[in-house]
Protein backbone atom coordinates (compact mmCIF):
# COMPACT_ATOMS: atom_id res chain seq x y z
CA MET A 1 7.61 19.04 10.24
CA ALA A 2 6.95 15.63 9.78
CA ASP A 3 8.59 13.67 6.49
CA PHE A 4 6.97 11.45 4.43
CA GLY A 5 9.74 9.47 4.15
CA SER A 6 10.50 8.57 7.46
CA ALA A 7 6.72 7.78 8.11
CA PHE A 8 6.78 5.18 5.04
CA HIS A 9 9.84 3.35 6.00
CA TYR A 10 8.11 2.94 9.36
CA ILE A 11 5.49 1.63 7.81
CA LEU A 12 7.40 -0.92 6.23
CA ARG A 13 7.97 -2.67 9.54
CA TRP A 14 4.56 -3.79 9.58
CA GLU A 15 3.57 -4.21 5.77
CA GLY A 16 5.89 -6.65 4.15
CA ALA A 17 5.84 -7.79 0.61
CA TRP A 18 3.01 -9.92 -0.80
CA SER A 19 0.48 -10.98 0.63
CA ASP A 20 -2.92 -13.42 -0.31
CA ASP A 21 -3.96 -14.43 2.93
CA PRO A 22 -7.92 -15.79 2.14
CA LEU A 23 -8.69 -14.48 5.38
CA ASP A 24 -7.09 -10.96 5.14
CA PRO A 25 -10.37 -8.48 4.60
CA GLY A 26 -7.81 -6.10 3.02
CA GLY A 27 -7.69 -8.85 -0.07
CA PRO A 28 -4.04 -9.21 -1.72
CA THR A 29 -1.25 -6.45 -0.94
CA MET A 30 1.80 -6.09 -2.00
CA TYR A 31 3.61 -3.65 0.46
CA GLY A 32 0.45 -3.25 2.43
CA VAL A 33 -0.71 -1.45 -0.92
CA THR A 34 -3.95 -3.60 -1.67
CA LEU A 35 -5.44 -4.98 -4.83
CA ALA A 36 -8.55 -2.08 -4.48
CA THR A 37 -5.96 1.01 -3.70
CA GLY A 38 -3.74 -0.76 -6.48
CA ARG A 39 -6.41 -0.65 -8.91
CA ARG A 40 -7.22 3.32 -8.48
CA HIS A 41 -3.59 3.36 -9.12
CA GLY A 42 -3.11 1.82 -12.65
CA PHE A 43 -2.24 -2.06 -11.43
CA ALA A 44 -5.60 -3.90 -12.02
CA THR A 45 -4.23 -7.23 -11.49
CA LYS A 46 -2.97 -9.47 -8.81
CA GLU A 47 -0.31 -9.84 -10.60
CA ALA A 48 0.33 -6.60 -11.48
CA LEU A 49 0.19 -5.24 -8.11
CA ARG A 50 2.77 -8.06 -7.17
CA ALA A 51 5.30 -6.16 -9.44
CA ILE A 52 5.23 -3.07 -7.64
CA THR A 53 8.45 -1.38 -6.44
CA LEU A 54 8.67 0.12 -3.11
CA ASP A 55 9.29 3.64 -5.13
CA GLN A 56 5.80 2.75 -6.62
CA ALA A 57 4.15 1.73 -3.22
CA ALA A 58 5.58 4.87 -1.92
CA ALA A 59 3.99 7.24 -4.36
CA ILE A 60 0.70 5.26 -3.90
CA TYR A 61 1.20 5.98 0.22
CA ARG A 62 2.23 9.27 -0.31
CA ALA A 63 -0.89 10.20 -3.06
CA SER A 64 -3.75 8.07 -0.92
CA TYR A 65 -2.70 8.57 2.46
CA TRP A 66 0.00 10.98 3.02
CA ARG A 67 -1.53 14.21 4.82
CA PHE A 68 0.14 14.87 7.62
CA ASP A 69 3.29 17.10 6.35
CA GLY A 70 2.21 20.28 8.82
CA VAL A 71 2.30 17.82 11.82
CA LEU A 72 5.48 19.33 14.16
CA ASP A 73 6.21 16.13 15.80
CA GLN A 74 7.03 13.06 13.75
CA SER A 75 6.00 10.27 15.84
CA VAL A 76 2.20 11.77 15.68
CA ALA A 77 2.62 12.03 11.86
CA THR A 78 3.61 8.74 11.44
CA LYS A 79 1.37 7.09 13.88
CA VAL A 80 -1.83 9.00 12.36
CA PHE A 81 0.31 7.97 8.56
CA ASP A 82 -0.05 3.92 9.77
CA MET A 83 -3.63 4.08 11.57
CA ALA A 84 -4.83 5.82 7.81
CA VAL A 85 -2.97 2.75 5.93
CA ASN A 86 -4.00 -0.11 8.22
CA ILE A 87 -8.15 1.44 8.15
CA GLY A 88 -7.97 3.85 5.90
CA LEU A 89 -7.92 7.71 5.60
CA LEU A 90 -11.06 8.70 6.14
CA SER A 91 -11.93 6.10 9.16
CA ALA A 92 -8.45 7.42 11.09
CA VAL A 93 -8.76 11.07 10.76
CA LYS A 94 -12.32 10.81 11.87
CA LYS A 95 -10.99 8.87 14.77
CA VAL A 96 -8.35 11.50 15.33
CA GLN A 97 -11.21 14.47 15.21
CA ARG A 98 -13.31 12.63 17.51
CA LEU A 99 -10.14 12.45 20.13
CA LEU A 100 -8.84 15.85 19.86
CA ASN A 101 -12.75 16.87 20.40
CA VAL A 102 -12.79 14.95 23.64
CA TYR A 103 -9.77 17.35 24.12
CA GLY A 104 -11.31 20.36 23.58
CA ALA A 105 -10.99 20.54 19.75
CA ASP A 106 -14.27 21.86 18.04
CA LEU A 107 -13.87 20.06 14.14
CA VAL A 108 -16.28 18.66 12.40
CA VAL A 109 -15.45 14.95 12.10
CA ASP A 110 -15.48 14.70 8.30
CA GLY A 111 -12.12 12.77 7.69
CA TYR A 112 -10.30 15.71 5.94
CA PHE A 113 -7.26 16.13 7.58
CA GLY A 114 -7.18 20.04 6.91
CA PRO A 115 -5.04 22.77 8.69
CA LEU A 116 -7.59 22.93 11.27
CA THR A 117 -7.38 19.73 12.40
CA THR A 118 -3.08 20.30 11.54
CA VAL A 119 -3.58 23.03 14.31
CA GLU A 120 -5.26 20.97 16.92
CA VAL A 121 -3.55 18.24 16.81
CA ASN A 122 -0.04 20.38 17.58
CA ARG A 123 -1.87 22.33 20.39
CA ARG A 124 -1.97 19.04 22.36
CA ASP A 125 0.83 16.62 24.00
CA PRO A 126 2.58 14.91 21.73
CA ASP A 127 2.96 12.61 24.37
CA LEU A 128 -0.62 12.32 24.85
CA VAL A 129 -1.48 12.07 21.80
CA MET A 130 0.85 9.17 20.54
CA ASP A 131 -0.84 7.32 24.15
CA LEU A 132 -4.40 8.30 23.02
CA LEU A 133 -3.81 7.31 19.12
CA CYS A 134 -2.35 3.56 20.81
CA GLY A 135 -5.55 3.44 22.41
CA ILE A 136 -8.00 3.72 19.82
CA SER A 137 -6.44 2.12 17.61
CA LYS A 138 -6.31 -1.23 19.99
CA GLU A 139 -9.94 -0.40 20.49
CA HIS A 140 -10.25 -0.71 16.37
CA TYR A 141 -8.95 -3.52 15.92
CA GLU A 142 -10.50 -5.51 19.10
CA SER A 143 -14.33 -4.01 17.16
CA VAL A 144 -13.26 -5.13 14.30
CA VAL A 145 -12.58 -9.19 15.52
CA ALA A 146 -15.95 -8.34 17.47
CA LYS A 147 -17.66 -7.88 14.17
CA ARG A 148 -15.98 -10.59 12.44
CA PRO A 149 -14.32 -13.47 14.54
CA GLU A 150 -12.44 -15.12 11.87
CA SER A 151 -10.09 -12.23 11.90
CA ARG A 152 -8.91 -13.19 15.22
CA LYS A 153 -5.96 -14.82 13.54
CA PHE A 154 -4.75 -11.23 12.93
CA LEU A 155 -5.22 -9.71 16.42
CA LYS A 156 -2.18 -9.99 17.64
CA GLY A 157 -0.40 -8.46 14.98
CA TRP A 158 -2.69 -5.83 14.93
CA LEU A 159 -2.57 -5.50 18.61
CA ARG A 160 1.23 -4.84 18.62
CA ARG A 161 1.06 -2.76 15.63
CA ALA A 162 -1.67 -0.22 17.75
CA GLY A 163 0.95 0.37 20.61
CA ALA A 164 3.88 0.42 18.94
CA VAL A 165 5.19 4.46 19.22
CA PRO A 166 7.24 5.24 16.06
């Protein structure tokens, strides 16, 4: 079974400390927690967000993005979690569900990573799933830049993240 702590430490590889780049569509972030997400957890201002601790960030990630305890392969769980953190839980899970359906699953594409999605992920070869997750992540970031050219400055890092295997 997948372990949240391992996945969280992997996320920190990509999500550094404070960032407030005006071109970042996520806005201000601390350890990758956006101000919008922080507000849902009681951190209402930039100053409050900037002061969160790693433990508080972990609690936010667990509550807002982690749904993968039942995934048997840690790397696959971590990659889906990474996608959820960076592109949103709903969007990431829908991408995974569509992907699984291409490979024989019959899932409703609803963005809910529940028991049926977990079973279908676990039925697939983890190496194949990982390759496919990296591919759909790359496609996502390229489409973001196609729709929002000012995000091009982030593309190199996003593609490095998309292609990384936990």
